C-alpha atoms as a PDB file:
ATOM      1  CA  MET A   1       2.957 -24.416 -11.775  1.00  0.00           C
ATOM      2  CA  THR A   2       6.640 -24.886 -11.087  1.00  0.00           C
ATOM      3  CA  ALA A   3       7.989 -24.843  -7.565  1.00  0.00           C
ATOM      4  CA  ASN A   4      11.599 -24.128  -6.819  1.00  0.00           C
ATOM      5  CA  ARG A   5      12.514 -26.638  -4.153  1.00  0.00           C
ATOM      6  CA  ARG A   6      15.866 -24.963  -3.622  1.00  0.00           C
ATOM      7  CA  ARG A   7      14.001 -21.977  -2.362  1.00  0.00           C
ATOM      8  CA  GLY A   8      11.894 -24.196  -0.097  1.00  0.00           C
ATOM      9  CA  GLU A   9       8.825 -24.175  -2.431  1.00  0.00           C
ATOM     10  CA  ILE A  10       6.488 -27.062  -3.138  1.00  0.00           C
ATOM     11  CA  ALA A  11       3.510 -27.367  -5.468  1.00  0.00           C
ATOM     12  CA  ALA A  12       0.206 -28.813  -4.219  1.00  0.00           C
ATOM     13  CA  GLU A  13      -3.209 -29.206  -5.610  1.00  0.00           C
ATOM     14  CA  LEU A  14      -5.951 -27.820  -3.353  1.00  0.00           C
ATOM     15  CA  ASP A  15      -9.578 -27.444  -4.428  1.00  0.00           C
ATOM     16  CA  GLY A  16      -8.547 -28.591  -7.889  1.00  0.00           C
ATOM     17  CA  LYS A  17      -6.103 -25.728  -8.381  1.00  0.00           C
ATOM     18  CA  ASN A  18      -2.357 -25.789  -8.216  1.00  0.00           C
ATOM     19  CA  HIS A  19      -0.793 -23.724  -5.490  1.00  0.00           C
ATOM     20  CA  ARG A  20       2.747 -22.938  -4.463  1.00  0.00           C
ATOM     21  CA  LEU A  21       3.598 -23.209  -0.755  1.00  0.00           C
ATOM     22  CA  CYS A  22       6.703 -22.028   1.044  1.00  0.00           C
ATOM     23  CA  LEU A  23       7.582 -21.695   4.706  1.00  0.00           C
ATOM     24  CA  THR A  24       9.435 -18.387   4.559  1.00  0.00           C
ATOM     25  CA  LEU A  25      10.983 -16.917   7.699  1.00  0.00           C
ATOM     26  CA  GLY A  26       7.787 -14.950   8.152  1.00  0.00           C
ATOM     27  CA  ALA A  27       5.690 -18.099   7.828  1.00  0.00           C
ATOM     28  CA  LEU A  28       7.949 -19.891  10.321  1.00  0.00           C
ATOM     29  CA  ALA A  29       7.585 -16.956  12.724  1.00  0.00           C
ATOM     30  CA  GLU A  30       3.854 -17.258  12.335  1.00  0.00           C
ATOM     31  CA  LEU A  31       4.026 -20.924  13.224  1.00  0.00           C
ATOM     32  CA  GLU A  32       6.297 -20.169  16.270  1.00  0.00           C
ATOM     33  CA  ALA A  33       3.675 -17.717  17.527  1.00  0.00           C
ATOM     34  CA  SER A  34       0.780 -20.142  16.929  1.00  0.00           C
ATOM     35  CA  TYR A  35       2.536 -22.840  18.950  1.00  0.00           C
ATOM     36  CA  ALA A  36       4.165 -20.502  21.538  1.00  0.00           C
ATOM     37  CA  ALA A  37       7.520 -22.098  20.426  1.00  0.00           C
ATOM     38  CA  ASP A  38      10.689 -20.463  21.621  1.00  0.00           C
ATOM     39  CA  ASP A  39      12.598 -21.232  18.443  1.00  0.00           C
ATOM     40  CA  LEU A  40      12.795 -23.347  15.290  1.00  0.00           C
ATOM     41  CA  ALA A  41      14.161 -26.335  17.151  1.00  0.00           C
ATOM     42  CA  ALA A  42      10.972 -26.462  19.290  1.00  0.00           C
ATOM     43  CA  LEU A  43       8.931 -26.395  16.016  1.00  0.00           C
ATOM     44  CA  VAL A  44      11.015 -29.192  14.476  1.00  0.00           C
ATOM     45  CA  GLN A  45      10.614 -31.272  17.621  1.00  0.00           C
ATOM     46  CA  ARG A  46       6.879 -30.812  17.589  1.00  0.00           C
ATOM     47  CA  PHE A  47       6.512 -31.635  13.905  1.00  0.00           C
ATOM     48  CA  SER A  48       8.878 -34.580  13.965  1.00  0.00           C
ATOM     49  CA  SER A  49       6.765 -36.395  16.582  1.00  0.00           C
ATOM     50  CA  GLY A  50       4.800 -37.980  13.798  1.00  0.00           C
ATOM     51  CA  ARG A  51       1.597 -36.897  15.495  1.00  0.00           C
ATOM     52  CA  LEU A  52      -0.124 -33.936  13.789  1.00  0.00           C
ATOM     53  CA  SER A  53      -3.750 -32.924  14.387  1.00  0.00           C
ATOM     54  CA  ALA A  54      -6.025 -31.558  11.716  1.00  0.00           C
ATOM     55  CA  THR A  55      -5.467 -28.095  13.222  1.00  0.00           C
ATOM     56  CA  ASP A  56      -1.715 -28.583  12.839  1.00  0.00           C
ATOM     57  CA  MET A  57      -2.118 -29.436   9.180  1.00  0.00           C
ATOM     58  CA  ILE A  58      -4.334 -26.385   8.586  1.00  0.00           C
ATOM     59  CA  ARG A  59      -1.846 -24.132  10.281  1.00  0.00           C
ATOM     60  CA  ILE A  60       1.152 -25.489   8.426  1.00  0.00           C
ATOM     61  CA  ILE A  61      -0.531 -25.497   5.013  1.00  0.00           C
ATOM     62  CA  GLY A  62      -1.989 -21.973   5.669  1.00  0.00           C
ATOM     63  CA  ALA A  63       1.432 -20.654   6.683  1.00  0.00           C
ATOM     64  CA  GLY A  64       2.972 -22.215   3.543  1.00  0.00           C
ATOM     65  CA  LEU A  65       0.338 -20.680   1.288  1.00  0.00           C
ATOM     66  CA  ARG A  66       0.719 -17.216   2.935  1.00  0.00           C
ATOM     67  CA  GLY A  67       4.495 -17.608   2.718  1.00  0.00           C
ATOM     68  CA  ALA A  68       4.090 -18.088  -1.054  1.00  0.00           C
ATOM     69  CA  GLY A  69       1.929 -14.955  -1.425  1.00  0.00           C
ATOM     70  CA  HIS A  70      -1.586 -16.369  -1.156  1.00  0.00           C
ATOM     71  CA  GLU A  71      -3.994 -14.390   1.006  1.00  0.00           C
ATOM     72  CA  LEU A  72      -5.949 -17.143   2.646  1.00  0.00           C
ATOM     73  CA  SER A  73      -7.033 -17.514   6.296  1.00  0.00           C
ATOM     74  CA  ASP A  74      -6.677 -20.693   8.252  1.00  0.00           C
ATOM     75  CA  ASP A  75     -10.528 -20.923   8.189  1.00  0.00           C
ATOM     76  CA  GLU A  76     -10.381 -20.848   4.373  1.00  0.00           C
ATOM     77  CA  VAL A  77      -7.647 -23.498   4.291  1.00  0.00           C
ATOM     78  CA  GLY A  78      -9.771 -25.672   6.610  1.00  0.00           C
ATOM     79  CA  GLY A  79     -12.506 -25.664   4.020  1.00  0.00           C
ATOM     80  CA  MET A  80     -10.284 -26.734   1.153  1.00  0.00           C
ATOM     81  CA  ARG A  81     -10.073 -30.244  -0.352  1.00  0.00           C
ATOM     82  CA  ALA A  82      -7.075 -32.235  -1.314  1.00  0.00           C
ATOM     83  CA  GLU A  83      -6.751 -35.286  -3.558  1.00  0.00           C
ATOM     84  CA  GLY A  84      -6.831 -38.283  -1.186  1.00  0.00           C
ATOM     85  CA  GLY A  85      -8.603 -36.424   1.621  1.00  0.00           C
ATOM     86  CA  VAL A  86      -6.734 -36.311   4.968  1.00  0.00           C
ATOM     87  CA  ALA A  87      -3.949 -38.509   3.555  1.00  0.00           C
ATOM     88  CA  GLY A  88      -3.497 -35.972   0.763  1.00  0.00           C
ATOM     89  CA  PHE A  89      -3.203 -33.108   3.267  1.00  0.00           C
ATOM     90  CA  ALA A  90      -0.723 -35.138   5.330  1.00  0.00           C
ATOM     91  CA  ALA A  91       1.443 -35.734   2.202  1.00  0.00           C
ATOM     92  CA  ILE A  92       1.352 -31.955   1.492  1.00  0.00           C
ATOM     93  CA  VAL A  93       2.496 -31.225   5.088  1.00  0.00           C
ATOM     94  CA  ALA A  94       5.200 -33.845   4.981  1.00  0.00           C
ATOM     95  CA  ASP A  95       6.549 -32.588   1.680  1.00  0.00           C
ATOM     96  CA  LEU A  96       6.520 -28.977   2.846  1.00  0.00           C
ATOM     97  CA  LEU A  97       8.248 -29.786   6.139  1.00  0.00           C
ATOM     98  CA  THR A  98      10.814 -32.010   4.451  1.00  0.00           C
ATOM     99  CA  THR A  99      11.587 -29.307   1.863  1.00  0.00           C
ATOM    100  CA  THR A 100      11.897 -26.696   4.547  1.00  0.00           C
ATOM    101  CA  PHE A 101      13.894 -28.589   7.216  1.00  0.00           C
ATOM    102  CA  GLY A 102      15.446 -31.450   5.272  1.00  0.00           C
ATOM    103  CA  ALA A 103      14.907 -35.190   5.525  1.00  0.00           C
ATOM    104  CA  ALA A 104      14.645 -36.841   8.892  1.00  0.00           C
ATOM    105  CA  PRO A 105      17.971 -38.463   9.908  1.00  0.00           C
ATOM    106  CA  LYS A 106      18.218 -42.222   9.466  1.00  0.00           C
ATOM    107  CA  ALA A 107      19.514 -44.553  12.081  1.00  0.00           C
ATOM    108  CA  GLU A 108      22.407 -46.915  11.127  1.00  0.00           C
ATOM    109  CA  ASP A 109      19.874 -49.739  10.462  1.00  0.00           C
ATOM    110  CA  GLY A 110      17.978 -47.469   7.971  1.00  0.00           C
ATOM    111  CA  ARG A 111      14.987 -46.692  10.220  1.00  0.00           C
ATOM    112  CA  ASN A 112      14.076 -43.293  11.453  1.00  0.00           C
ATOM    113  CA  PRO A 113      15.286 -42.776  15.003  1.00  0.00           C
END
């Protein structure tokens, strides 16, 4: 499966199958509603804290899957498996958020602020 990163898509293997994920405007609106966020800046602030719960990862991956056209509930996503377990899910989330919002800015010394 080929993902078009210019359109904000990534490819990820879940349950041994390749899936395309994309945080479309509809998927981002879904996340705003889930987190009672006023805007995208509030979502970015929440996600850039570096502290995501398992529920956060389920919501983000679920929204990305639905944004790419998969009809899966968050409950179904919560039952899926990724290569590497939790670390694999975290890598998928990081890739999806980076593709959607861009890379985190670097401080002058090369570290993330």
